[in-house]
Amino acid sequence: MNTSELVDKIKAEAPKVTIECDALGIRSERYIVEGDIGLKEEAVLAYAASRVELAEQAAGAADDRQGLLGIERDGKTLRWRQGKTLTYCVWRPSFDNDEEHAEVVRGMDAAIA
């Protein structure tokens, strides 16, 4: 799959959420990818290009190892300080129903265990 095809796929298939706060005059639409990454319209192309590049690199690897993906900012992988407690939230409004939400919560609980 090339970058253009992935952009089209994201725009056609990724859930889209609208974040609004009337009191602050905020309204922002995001495509949700990988289950928890909210991308503004203008960020979809860069995201797709990076994923296609990673897939091409993985396809050219000489062995069967899987690469570790990370979030980058300004070309640097973001990391947290050693000893930092990480927290997360499984945002209920991003799911169609309580059952889907509960399934993801159970999966997250199992993953961190």
PDB file of N, CA and C in Angstrom:
ATOM      1  N   MET A   1       0.857  -1.171   0.000  1.00  0.00           N
ATOM      2  CA  MET A   1       0.000   0.000   0.000  1.00  0.00           C
ATOM      3  C   MET A   1       0.907   1.239   0.000  1.00  0.00           C
ATOM      4  N   ASN A   2       0.573   2.205  -0.842  1.00  0.00           N
ATOM      5  CA  ASN A   2       1.369   3.432  -0.857  1.00  0.00           C
ATOM      6  C   ASN A   2       0.720   4.491   0.042  1.00  0.00           C
ATOM      7  N   THR A   3       1.409   5.614   0.185  1.00  0.00           N
ATOM      8  CA  THR A   3       0.948   6.665   1.101  1.00  0.00           C
ATOM      9  C   THR A   3      -0.429   7.190   0.720  1.00  0.00           C
ATOM     10  N   SER A   4      -0.630   7.453  -0.557  1.00  0.00           N
ATOM     11  CA  SER A   4      -1.926   7.983  -1.007  1.00  0.00           C
ATOM     12  C   SER A   4      -3.066   7.013  -0.700  1.00  0.00           C
ATOM     13  N   GLU A   5      -2.816   5.726  -0.927  1.00  0.00           N
ATOM     14  CA  GLU A   5      -3.844   4.720  -0.632  1.00  0.00           C
ATOM     15  C   GLU A   5      -4.146   4.664   0.862  1.00  0.00           C
ATOM     16  N   LEU A   6      -3.104   4.769   1.693  1.00  0.00           N
ATOM     17  CA  LEU A   6      -3.325   4.734   3.132  1.00  0.00           C
ATOM     18  C   LEU A   6      -4.083   5.971   3.602  1.00  0.00           C
ATOM     19  N   VAL A   7      -3.767   7.129   3.049  1.00  0.00           N
ATOM     20  CA  VAL A   7      -4.521   8.351   3.386  1.00  0.00           C
ATOM     21  C   VAL A   7      -5.989   8.156   3.061  1.00  0.00           C
ATOM     22  N   ASP A   8      -6.274   7.638   1.861  1.00  0.00           N
ATOM     23  CA  ASP A   8      -7.664   7.412   1.455  1.00  0.00           C
ATOM     24  C   ASP A   8      -8.354   6.421   2.385  1.00  0.00           C
ATOM     25  N   LYS A   9      -7.629   5.365   2.775  1.00  0.00           N
ATOM     26  CA  LYS A   9      -8.203   4.351   3.662  1.00  0.00           C
ATOM     27  C   LYS A   9      -8.517   4.942   5.036  1.00  0.00           C
ATOM     28  N   ILE A  10      -7.601   5.745   5.570  1.00  0.00           N
ATOM     29  CA  ILE A  10      -7.833   6.371   6.875  1.00  0.00           C
ATOM     30  C   ILE A  10      -9.067   7.268   6.802  1.00  0.00           C
ATOM     31  N   LYS A  11      -9.133   8.094   5.781  1.00  0.00           N
ATOM     32  CA  LYS A  11     -10.260   9.032   5.664  1.00  0.00           C
ATOM     33  C   LYS A  11     -11.585   8.323   5.438  1.00  0.00           C
ATOM     34  N   ALA A  12     -11.542   7.160   4.820  1.00  0.00           N
ATOM     35  CA  ALA A  12     -12.779   6.420   4.552  1.00  0.00           C
ATOM     36  C   ALA A  12     -13.204   5.535   5.722  1.00  0.00           C
ATOM     37  N   GLU A  13     -12.228   4.998   6.459  1.00  0.00           N
ATOM     38  CA  GLU A  13     -12.563   3.964   7.436  1.00  0.00           C
ATOM     39  C   GLU A  13     -12.310   4.315   8.893  1.00  0.00           C
ATOM     40  N   ALA A  14     -11.412   5.242   9.169  1.00  0.00           N
ATOM     41  CA  ALA A  14     -11.104   5.558  10.565  1.00  0.00           C
ATOM     42  C   ALA A  14     -12.278   6.281  11.209  1.00  0.00           C
ATOM     43  N   PRO A  15     -12.564   5.950  12.456  1.00  0.00           N
ATOM     44  CA  PRO A  15     -13.609   6.711  13.157  1.00  0.00           C
ATOM     45  C   PRO A  15     -13.199   8.183  13.223  1.00  0.00           C
ATOM     46  N   LYS A  16     -14.177   9.050  13.134  1.00  0.00           N
ATOM     47  CA  LYS A  16     -13.907  10.484  13.209  1.00  0.00           C
ATOM     48  C   LYS A  16     -14.687  11.041  14.390  1.00  0.00           C
ATOM     49  N   VAL A  17     -13.993  11.767  15.247  1.00  0.00           N
ATOM     50  CA  VAL A  17     -14.647  12.353  16.412  1.00  0.00           C
ATOM     51  C   VAL A  17     -14.538  13.870  16.346  1.00  0.00           C
ATOM     52  N   THR A  18     -15.489  14.521  16.969  1.00  0.00           N
ATOM     53  CA  THR A  18     -15.469  15.965  17.083  1.00  0.00           C
ATOM     54  C   THR A  18     -15.339  16.322  18.549  1.00  0.00           C
ATOM     55  N   ILE A  19     -14.337  17.119  18.856  1.00  0.00           N
ATOM     56  CA  ILE A  19     -14.103  17.571  20.224  1.00  0.00           C
ATOM     57  C   ILE A  19     -14.596  19.006  20.294  1.00  0.00           C
ATOM     58  N   GLU A  20     -15.525  19.268  21.216  1.00  0.00           N
ATOM     59  CA  GLU A  20     -16.111  20.597  21.313  1.00  0.00           C
ATOM     60  C   GLU A  20     -16.133  21.102  22.748  1.00  0.00           C
ATOM     61  N   CYS A  21     -15.886  22.383  22.886  1.00  0.00           N
ATOM     62  CA  CYS A  21     -16.063  23.065  24.160  1.00  0.00           C
ATOM     63  C   CYS A  21     -16.553  24.469  23.830  1.00  0.00           C
ATOM     64  N   ASP A  22     -17.861  24.660  23.919  1.00  0.00           N
ATOM     65  CA  ASP A  22     -18.443  25.956  23.573  1.00  0.00           C
ATOM     66  C   ASP A  22     -17.897  27.080  24.437  1.00  0.00           C
ATOM     67  N   ALA A  23     -17.681  26.800  25.708  1.00  0.00           N
ATOM     68  CA  ALA A  23     -17.203  27.839  26.625  1.00  0.00           C
ATOM     69  C   ALA A  23     -15.849  28.400  26.193  1.00  0.00           C
ATOM     70  N   LEU A  24     -15.020  27.539  25.588  1.00  0.00           N
ATOM     71  CA  LEU A  24     -13.689  27.985  25.152  1.00  0.00           C
ATOM     72  C   LEU A  24     -13.619  28.228  23.646  1.00  0.00           C
ATOM     73  N   GLY A  25     -14.723  27.981  22.962  1.00  0.00           N
ATOM     74  CA  GLY A  25     -14.742  28.178  21.512  1.00  0.00           C
ATOM     75  C   GLY A  25     -13.903  27.154  20.766  1.00  0.00           C
ATOM     76  N   ILE A  26     -13.848  25.947  21.293  1.00  0.00           N
ATOM     77  CA  ILE A  26     -13.040  24.896  20.680  1.00  0.00           C
ATOM     78  C   ILE A  26     -13.936  23.931  19.921  1.00  0.00           C
ATOM     79  N   ARG A  27     -13.551  23.654  18.694  1.00  0.00           N
ATOM     80  CA  ARG A  27     -14.192  22.597  17.902  1.00  0.00           C
ATOM     81  C   ARG A  27     -13.116  22.013  17.009  1.00  0.00           C
ATOM     82  N   SER A  28     -12.839  20.747  17.191  1.00  0.00           N
ATOM     83  CA  SER A  28     -11.764  20.100  16.447  1.00  0.00           C
ATOM     84  C   SER A  28     -12.203  18.700  16.052  1.00  0.00           C
ATOM     85  N   GLU A  29     -11.994  18.361  14.788  1.00  0.00           N
ATOM     86  CA  GLU A  29     -12.308  17.017  14.321  1.00  0.00           C
ATOM     87  C   GLU A  29     -11.020  16.226  14.196  1.00  0.00           C
ATOM     88  N   ARG A  30     -11.079  14.952  14.568  1.00  0.00           N
ATOM     89  CA  ARG A  30      -9.905  14.080  14.526  1.00  0.00           C
ATOM     90  C   ARG A  30     -10.275  12.718  13.959  1.00  0.00           C
ATOM     91  N   TYR A  31      -9.367  12.164  13.176  1.00  0.00           N
ATOM     92  CA  TYR A  31      -9.459  10.766  12.763  1.00  0.00           C
ATOM     93  C   TYR A  31      -8.758   9.955  13.847  1.00  0.00           C
ATOM     94  N   ILE A  32      -9.379   8.872  14.287  1.00  0.00           N
ATOM     95  CA  ILE A  32      -8.787   8.032  15.318  1.00  0.00           C
ATOM     96  C   ILE A  32      -8.129   6.835  14.639  1.00  0.00           C
ATOM     97  N   VAL A  33      -6.806   6.739  14.795  1.00  0.00           N
ATOM     98  CA  VAL A  33      -6.054   5.635  14.212  1.00  0.00           C
ATOM     99  C   VAL A  33      -5.347   4.879  15.332  1.00  0.00           C
ATOM    100  N   GLU A  34      -5.060   3.627  15.075  1.00  0.00           N
ATOM    101  CA  GLU A  34      -4.413   2.758  16.053  1.00  0.00           C
ATOM    102  C   GLU A  34      -5.184   2.720  17.366  1.00  0.00           C
ATOM    103  N   GLY A  35      -6.449   3.074  17.318  1.00  0.00           N
ATOM    104  CA  GLY A  35      -7.302   2.993  18.493  1.00  0.00           C
ATOM    105  C   GLY A  35      -7.195   4.143  19.468  1.00  0.00           C
ATOM    106  N   ASP A  36      -6.091   4.906  19.408  1.00  0.00           N
ATOM    107  CA  ASP A  36      -5.931   5.941  20.431  1.00  0.00           C
ATOM    108  C   ASP A  36      -5.172   7.191  19.963  1.00  0.00           C
ATOM    109  N   ILE A  37      -4.931   7.302  18.681  1.00  0.00           N
ATOM    110  CA  ILE A  37      -4.222   8.476  18.177  1.00  0.00           C
ATOM    111  C   ILE A  37      -5.217   9.327  17.393  1.00  0.00           C
ATOM    112  N   GLY A  38      -5.408  10.565  17.836  1.00  0.00           N
ATOM    113  CA  GLY A  38      -6.308  11.489  17.162  1.00  0.00           C
ATOM    114  C   GLY A  38      -5.534  12.375  16.202  1.00  0.00           C
ATOM    115  N   LEU A  39      -5.832  12.255  14.913  1.00  0.00           N
ATOM    116  CA  LEU A  39      -5.126  13.030  13.897  1.00  0.00           C
ATOM    117  C   LEU A  39      -6.030  14.097  13.296  1.00  0.00           C
ATOM    118  N   LYS A  40      -5.543  15.331  13.291  1.00  0.00           N
ATOM    119  CA  LYS A  40      -6.236  16.367  12.547  1.00  0.00           C
ATOM    120  C   LYS A  40      -6.078  16.069  11.059  1.00  0.00           C
ATOM    121  N   GLU A  41      -6.969  16.620  10.267  1.00  0.00           N
ATOM    122  CA  GLU A  41      -6.944  16.413   8.811  1.00  0.00           C
ATOM    123  C   GLU A  41      -5.556  16.633   8.223  1.00  0.00           C
ATOM    124  N   GLU A  42      -4.910  17.713   8.646  1.00  0.00           N
ATOM    125  CA  GLU A  42      -3.604  18.058   8.058  1.00  0.00           C
ATOM    126  C   GLU A  42      -2.474  17.138   8.519  1.00  0.00           C
ATOM    127  N   ALA A  43      -2.700  16.299   9.508  1.00  0.00           N
ATOM    128  CA  ALA A  43      -1.664  15.390   9.993  1.00  0.00           C
ATOM    129  C   ALA A  43      -1.760  13.991   9.386  1.00  0.00           C
ATOM    130  N   VAL A  44      -2.844  13.710   8.682  1.00  0.00           N
ATOM    131  CA  VAL A  44      -3.061  12.362   8.145  1.00  0.00           C
ATOM    132  C   VAL A  44      -1.973  11.985   7.135  1.00  0.00           C
ATOM    133  N   LEU A  45      -1.601  12.888   6.246  1.00  0.00           N
ATOM    134  CA  LEU A  45      -0.608  12.583   5.224  1.00  0.00           C
ATOM    135  C   LEU A  45       0.738  12.219   5.848  1.00  0.00           C
ATOM    136  N   ALA A  46       1.218  13.003   6.787  1.00  0.00           N
ATOM    137  CA  ALA A  46       2.509  12.719   7.429  1.00  0.00           C
ATOM    138  C   ALA A  46       2.456  11.393   8.185  1.00  0.00           C
ATOM    139  N   TYR A  47       1.350  11.144   8.878  1.00  0.00           N
ATOM    140  CA  TYR A  47       1.177   9.887   9.598  1.00  0.00           C
ATOM    141  C   TYR A  47       1.242   8.713   8.619  1.00  0.00           C
ATOM    142  N   ALA A  48       0.490   8.800   7.512  1.00  0.00           N
ATOM    143  CA  ALA A  48       0.454   7.720   6.529  1.00  0.00           C
ATOM    144  C   ALA A  48       1.839   7.489   5.924  1.00  0.00           C
ATOM    145  N   ALA A  49       2.537   8.562   5.595  1.00  0.00           N
ATOM    146  CA  ALA A  49       3.877   8.429   5.008  1.00  0.00           C
ATOM    147  C   ALA A  49       4.824   7.721   5.966  1.00  0.00           C
ATOM    148  N   SER A  50       4.754   8.060   7.258  1.00  0.00           N
ATOM    149  CA  SER A  50       5.649   7.418   8.228  1.00  0.00           C
ATOM    150  C   SER A  50       5.312   5.939   8.388  1.00  0.00           C
ATOM    151  N   ARG A  51       4.029   5.592   8.348  1.00  0.00           N
ATOM    152  CA  ARG A  51       3.631   4.188   8.491  1.00  0.00           C
ATOM    153  C   ARG A  51       4.026   3.375   7.266  1.00  0.00           C
ATOM    154  N   VAL A  52       3.901   3.949   6.073  1.00  0.00           N
ATOM    155  CA  VAL A  52       4.315   3.257   4.850  1.00  0.00           C
ATOM    156  C   VAL A  52       5.825   3.033   4.880  1.00  0.00           C
ATOM    157  N   GLU A  53       6.571   4.036   5.304  1.00  0.00           N
ATOM    158  CA  GLU A  53       8.027   3.905   5.396  1.00  0.00           C
ATOM    159  C   GLU A  53       8.413   2.799   6.385  1.00  0.00           C
ATOM    160  N   LEU A  54       7.770   2.762   7.543  1.00  0.00           N
ATOM    161  CA  LEU A  54       8.048   1.708   8.527  1.00  0.00           C
ATOM    162  C   LEU A  54       7.729   0.322   7.971  1.00  0.00           C
ATOM    163  N   ALA A  55       6.620   0.227   7.251  1.00  0.00           N
ATOM    164  CA  ALA A  55       6.224  -1.060   6.672  1.00  0.00           C
ATOM    165  C   ALA A  55       7.240  -1.509   5.622  1.00  0.00           C
ATOM    166  N   GLU A  56       7.736  -0.582   4.827  1.00  0.00           N
ATOM    167  CA  GLU A  56       8.737  -0.918   3.811  1.00  0.00           C
ATOM    168  C   GLU A  56      10.041  -1.357   4.468  1.00  0.00           C
ATOM    169  N   GLN A  57      10.427  -0.693   5.538  1.00  0.00           N
ATOM    170  CA  GLN A  57      11.640  -1.079   6.261  1.00  0.00           C
ATOM    171  C   GLN A  57      11.492  -2.471   6.857  1.00  0.00           C
ATOM    172  N   ALA A  58      10.323  -2.732   7.440  1.00  0.00           N
ATOM    173  CA  ALA A  58      10.082  -4.042   8.045  1.00  0.00           C
ATOM    174  C   ALA A  58      10.070  -5.143   6.988  1.00  0.00           C
ATOM    175  N   ALA A  59       9.518  -4.845   5.819  1.00  0.00           N
ATOM    176  CA  ALA A  59       9.450  -5.835   4.741  1.00  0.00           C
ATOM    177  C   ALA A  59      10.847  -6.173   4.233  1.00  0.00           C
ATOM    178  N   GLY A  60      11.766  -5.212   4.318  1.00  0.00           N
ATOM    179  CA  GLY A  60      13.121  -5.444   3.848  1.00  0.00           C
ATOM    180  C   GLY A  60      14.044  -6.028   4.889  1.00  0.00           C
ATOM    181  N   ALA A  61      13.535  -6.254   6.096  1.00  0.00           N
ATOM    182  CA  ALA A  61      14.369  -6.792   7.174  1.00  0.00           C
ATOM    183  C   ALA A  61      14.766  -8.226   6.847  1.00  0.00           C
ATOM    184  N   ALA A  62      15.977  -8.583   7.248  1.00  0.00           N
ATOM    185  CA  ALA A  62      16.511  -9.908   6.940  1.00  0.00           C
ATOM    186  C   ALA A  62      15.964 -10.994   7.855  1.00  0.00           C
ATOM    187  N   ASP A  63      15.335 -10.626   8.958  1.00  0.00           N
ATOM    188  CA  ASP A  63      14.820 -11.633   9.886  1.00  0.00           C
ATOM    189  C   ASP A  63      13.367 -11.340  10.208  1.00  0.00           C
ATOM    190  N   ASP A  64      12.805 -12.117  11.120  1.00  0.00           N
ATOM    191  CA  ASP A  64      11.384 -12.005  11.436  1.00  0.00           C
ATOM    192  C   ASP A  64      11.093 -11.127  12.643  1.00  0.00           C
ATOM    193  N   ARG A  65      12.067 -10.357  13.118  1.00  0.00           N
ATOM    194  CA  ARG A  65      11.817  -9.521  14.285  1.00  0.00           C
ATOM    195  C   ARG A  65      10.787  -8.454  13.970  1.00  0.00           C
ATOM    196  N   GLN A  66      10.037  -8.073  14.985  1.00  0.00           N
ATOM    197  CA  GLN A  66       9.094  -6.970  14.849  1.00  0.00           C
ATOM    198  C   GLN A  66       9.721  -5.728  15.440  1.00  0.00           C
ATOM    199  N   GLY A  67       9.514  -4.612  14.776  1.00  0.00           N
ATOM    200  CA  GLY A  67      10.075  -3.367  15.277  1.00  0.00           C
ATOM    201  C   GLY A  67       9.183  -2.741  16.330  1.00  0.00           C
ATOM    202  N   LEU A  68       9.774  -1.958  17.192  1.00  0.00           N
ATOM    203  CA  LEU A  68       9.038  -1.223  18.200  1.00  0.00           C
ATOM    204  C   LEU A  68       8.688   0.135  17.614  1.00  0.00           C
ATOM    205  N   LEU A  69       7.403   0.450  17.595  1.00  0.00           N
ATOM    206  CA  LEU A  69       6.967   1.752  17.102  1.00  0.00           C
ATOM    207  C   LEU A  69       6.900   2.718  18.263  1.00  0.00           C
ATOM    208  N   GLY A  70       7.213   3.957  17.998  1.00  0.00           N
ATOM    209  CA  GLY A  70       7.147   4.972  19.037  1.00  0.00           C
ATOM    210  C   GLY A  70       6.564   6.253  18.477  1.00  0.00           C
ATOM    211  N   ILE A  71       6.167   7.117  19.351  1.00  0.00           N
ATOM    212  CA  ILE A  71       5.657   8.416  18.953  1.00  0.00           C
ATOM    213  C   ILE A  71       6.844   9.357  18.822  1.00  0.00           C
ATOM    214  N   GLU A  72       6.865  10.117  17.749  1.00  0.00           N
ATOM    215  CA  GLU A  72       7.966  11.041  17.525  1.00  0.00           C
ATOM    216  C   GLU A  72       7.480  12.479  17.512  1.00  0.00           C
ATOM    217  N   ARG A  73       8.366  13.369  17.929  1.00  0.00           N
ATOM    218  CA  ARG A  73       8.124  14.802  17.830  1.00  0.00           C
ATOM    219  C   ARG A  73       9.434  15.432  17.376  1.00  0.00           C
ATOM    220  N   ASP A  74       9.381  16.213  16.320  1.00  0.00           N
ATOM    221  CA  ASP A  74      10.579  16.846  15.762  1.00  0.00           C
ATOM    222  C   ASP A  74      11.677  15.831  15.471  1.00  0.00           C
ATOM    223  N   GLY A  75      11.282  14.648  14.991  1.00  0.00           N
ATOM    224  CA  GLY A  75      12.247  13.626  14.611  1.00  0.00           C
ATOM    225  C   GLY A  75      12.862  12.847  15.759  1.00  0.00           C
ATOM    226  N   LYS A  76      12.419  13.094  16.980  1.00  0.00           N
ATOM    227  CA  LYS A  76      12.966  12.387  18.140  1.00  0.00           C
ATOM    228  C   LYS A  76      11.872  11.551  18.787  1.00  0.00           C
ATOM    229  N   THR A  77      12.233  10.318  19.183  1.00  0.00           N
ATOM    230  CA  THR A  77      11.274   9.451  19.852  1.00  0.00           C
ATOM    231  C   THR A  77      11.004   9.996  21.249  1.00  0.00           C
ATOM    232  N   LEU A  78       9.716  10.143  21.563  1.00  0.00           N
ATOM    233  CA  LEU A  78       9.348  10.634  22.891  1.00  0.00           C
ATOM    234  C   LEU A  78       9.510   9.519  23.918  1.00  0.00           C
ATOM    235  N   ARG A  79      10.073   9.860  25.034  1.00  0.00           N
ATOM    236  CA  ARG A  79      10.272   8.910  26.123  1.00  0.00           C
ATOM    237  C   ARG A  79       9.859   9.574  27.430  1.00  0.00           C
ATOM    238  N   TRP A  80       9.593   8.771  28.431  1.00  0.00           N
ATOM    239  CA  TRP A  80       9.265   9.330  29.737  1.00  0.00           C
ATOM    240  C   TRP A  80      10.437   9.071  30.686  1.00  0.00           C
ATOM    241  N   ARG A  81      10.490   9.886  31.728  1.00  0.00           N
ATOM    242  CA  ARG A  81      11.554   9.748  32.728  1.00  0.00           C
ATOM    243  C   ARG A  81      11.420   8.417  33.458  1.00  0.00           C
ATOM    244  N   GLN A  82      12.563   7.811  33.770  1.00  0.00           N
ATOM    245  CA  GLN A  82      12.563   6.564  34.530  1.00  0.00           C
ATOM    246  C   GLN A  82      11.872   6.794  35.874  1.00  0.00           C
ATOM    247  N   GLY A  83      11.013   5.871  36.269  1.00  0.00           N
ATOM    248  CA  GLY A  83      10.289   5.986  37.526  1.00  0.00           C
ATOM    249  C   GLY A  83       8.955   6.707  37.393  1.00  0.00           C
ATOM    250  N   LYS A  84       8.672   7.256  36.222  1.00  0.00           N
ATOM    251  CA  LYS A  84       7.408   7.982  36.010  1.00  0.00           C
ATOM    252  C   LYS A  84       6.250   6.989  35.987  1.00  0.00           C
ATOM    253  N   THR A  85       5.169   7.332  36.640  1.00  0.00           N
ATOM    254  CA  THR A  85       3.960   6.519  36.613  1.00  0.00           C
ATOM    255  C   THR A  85       3.129   6.946  35.412  1.00  0.00           C
ATOM    256  N   LEU A  86       2.823   5.980  34.562  1.00  0.00           N
ATOM    257  CA  LEU A  86       2.006   6.260  33.382  1.00  0.00           C
ATOM    258  C   LEU A  86       0.545   5.980  33.700  1.00  0.00           C
ATOM    259  N   THR A  87      -0.321   6.837  33.233  1.00  0.00           N
ATOM    260  CA  THR A  87      -1.756   6.639  33.397  1.00  0.00           C
ATOM    261  C   THR A  87      -2.404   6.646  32.021  1.00  0.00           C
ATOM    262  N   TYR A  88      -3.605   6.136  31.946  1.00  0.00           N
ATOM    263  CA  TYR A  88      -4.329   6.124  30.677  1.00  0.00           C
ATOM    264  C   TYR A  88      -5.819   6.220  30.940  1.00  0.00           C
ATOM    265  N   CYS A  89      -6.529   6.516  29.896  1.00  0.00           N
ATOM    266  CA  CYS A  89      -7.989   6.588  29.962  1.00  0.00           C
ATOM    267  C   CYS A  89      -8.542   5.939  28.704  1.00  0.00           C
ATOM    268  N   VAL A  90      -9.508   5.074  28.857  1.00  0.00           N
ATOM    269  CA  VAL A  90     -10.214   4.509  27.715  1.00  0.00           C
ATOM    270  C   VAL A  90     -11.481   5.345  27.569  1.00  0.00           C
ATOM    271  N   TRP A  91     -11.467   6.239  26.612  1.00  0.00           N
ATOM    272  CA  TRP A  91     -12.494   7.269  26.479  1.00  0.00           C
ATOM    273  C   TRP A  91     -13.802   6.690  25.953  1.00  0.00           C
ATOM    274  N   ARG A  92     -14.799   6.602  26.821  1.00  0.00           N
ATOM    275  CA  ARG A  92     -16.082   5.976  26.487  1.00  0.00           C
ATOM    276  C   ARG A  92     -16.752   6.574  25.253  1.00  0.00           C
ATOM    277  N   PRO A  93     -16.762   7.909  25.046  1.00  0.00           N
ATOM    278  CA  PRO A  93     -17.454   8.447  23.866  1.00  0.00           C
ATOM    279  C   PRO A  93     -16.867   7.995  22.522  1.00  0.00           C
ATOM    280  N   SER A  94     -15.675   7.405  22.530  1.00  0.00           N
ATOM    281  CA  SER A  94     -15.086   6.961  21.266  1.00  0.00           C
ATOM    282  C   SER A  94     -15.567   5.571  20.853  1.00  0.00           C
ATOM    283  N   PHE A  95     -16.455   4.960  21.651  1.00  0.00           N
ATOM    284  CA  PHE A  95     -16.975   3.628  21.346  1.00  0.00           C
ATOM    285  C   PHE A  95     -18.465   3.704  21.043  1.00  0.00           C
ATOM    286  N   ASP A  96     -18.920   2.758  20.241  1.00  0.00           N
ATOM    287  CA  ASP A  96     -20.333   2.717  19.862  1.00  0.00           C
ATOM    288  C   ASP A  96     -21.245   2.279  20.999  1.00  0.00           C
ATOM    289  N   ASN A  97     -20.702   1.471  21.925  1.00  0.00           N
ATOM    290  CA  ASN A  97     -21.551   0.968  23.005  1.00  0.00           C
ATOM    291  C   ASN A  97     -20.704   0.591  24.217  1.00  0.00           C
ATOM    292  N   ASP A  98     -21.389   0.329  25.325  1.00  0.00           N
ATOM    293  CA  ASP A  98     -20.708  -0.006  26.579  1.00  0.00           C
ATOM    294  C   ASP A  98     -19.918  -1.316  26.486  1.00  0.00           C
ATOM    295  N   GLU A  99     -20.416  -2.271  25.709  1.00  0.00           N
ATOM    296  CA  GLU A  99     -19.745  -3.563  25.595  1.00  0.00           C
ATOM    297  C   GLU A  99     -18.377  -3.414  24.933  1.00  0.00           C
ATOM    298  N   GLU A 100     -18.304  -2.634  23.844  1.00  0.00           N
ATOM    299  CA  GLU A 100     -17.015  -2.409  23.175  1.00  0.00           C
ATOM    300  C   GLU A 100     -16.041  -1.713  24.122  1.00  0.00           C
ATOM    301  N   HIS A 101     -16.529  -0.717  24.825  1.00  0.00           N
ATOM    302  CA  HIS A 101     -15.697   0.009  25.776  1.00  0.00           C
ATOM    303  C   HIS A 101     -15.176  -0.936  26.857  1.00  0.00           C
ATOM    304  N   ALA A 102     -16.056  -1.749  27.419  1.00  0.00           N
ATOM    305  CA  ALA A 102     -15.659  -2.675  28.480  1.00  0.00           C
ATOM    306  C   ALA A 102     -14.628  -3.685  27.981  1.00  0.00           C
ATOM    307  N   GLU A 103     -14.764  -4.126  26.737  1.00  0.00           N
ATOM    308  CA  GLU A 103     -13.808  -5.077  26.163  1.00  0.00           C
ATOM    309  C   GLU A 103     -12.411  -4.459  26.077  1.00  0.00           C
ATOM    310  N   VAL A 104     -12.332  -3.211  25.669  1.00  0.00           N
ATOM    311  CA  VAL A 104     -11.039  -2.544  25.581  1.00  0.00           C
ATOM    312  C   VAL A 104     -10.463  -2.313  26.980  1.00  0.00           C
ATOM    313  N   VAL A 105     -11.303  -1.944  27.936  1.00  0.00           N
ATOM    314  CA  VAL A 105     -10.834  -1.755  29.309  1.00  0.00           C
ATOM    315  C   VAL A 105     -10.253  -3.066  29.831  1.00  0.00           C
ATOM    316  N   ARG A 106     -10.946  -4.184  29.594  1.00  0.00           N
ATOM    317  CA  ARG A 106     -10.436  -5.490  30.028  1.00  0.00           C
ATOM    318  C   ARG A 106      -9.102  -5.804  29.341  1.00  0.00           C
ATOM    319  N   GLY A 107      -9.008  -5.499  28.039  1.00  0.00           N
ATOM    320  CA  GLY A 107      -7.766  -5.734  27.311  1.00  0.00           C
ATOM    321  C   GLY A 107      -6.618  -4.905  27.844  1.00  0.00           C
ATOM    322  N   MET A 108      -6.887  -3.655  28.170  1.00  0.00           N
ATOM    323  CA  MET A 108      -5.848  -2.775  28.735  1.00  0.00           C
ATOM    324  C   MET A 108      -5.419  -3.297  30.100  1.00  0.00           C
ATOM    325  N   ASP A 109      -6.374  -3.695  30.920  1.00  0.00           N
ATOM    326  CA  ASP A 109      -6.048  -4.249  32.244  1.00  0.00           C
ATOM    327  C   ASP A 109      -5.155  -5.480  32.107  1.00  0.00           C
ATOM    328  N   ALA A 110      -5.489  -6.351  31.146  1.00  0.00           N
ATOM    329  CA  ALA A 110      -4.678  -7.564  30.938  1.00  0.00           C
ATOM    330  C   ALA A 110      -3.281  -7.197  30.434  1.00  0.00           C
ATOM    331  N   ALA A 111      -3.194  -6.211  29.559  1.00  0.00           N
ATOM    332  CA  ALA A 111      -1.896  -5.816  28.994  1.00  0.00           C
ATOM    333  C   ALA A 111      -0.974  -5.238  30.054  1.00  0.00           C
ATOM    334  N   ILE A 112      -1.503  -4.437  30.941  1.00  0.00           N
ATOM    335  CA  ILE A 112      -0.634  -3.825  31.954  1.00  0.00           C
ATOM    336  C   ILE A 112      -0.317  -4.779  33.109  1.00  0.00           C
ATOM    337  N   ALA A 113      -1.133  -5.842  33.233  1.00  0.00           N
ATOM    338  CA  ALA A 113      -0.858  -6.832  34.274  1.00  0.00           C
ATOM    339  C   ALA A 113       0.400  -7.598  33.917  1.00  0.00           C
TER     340      ALA A 113
END
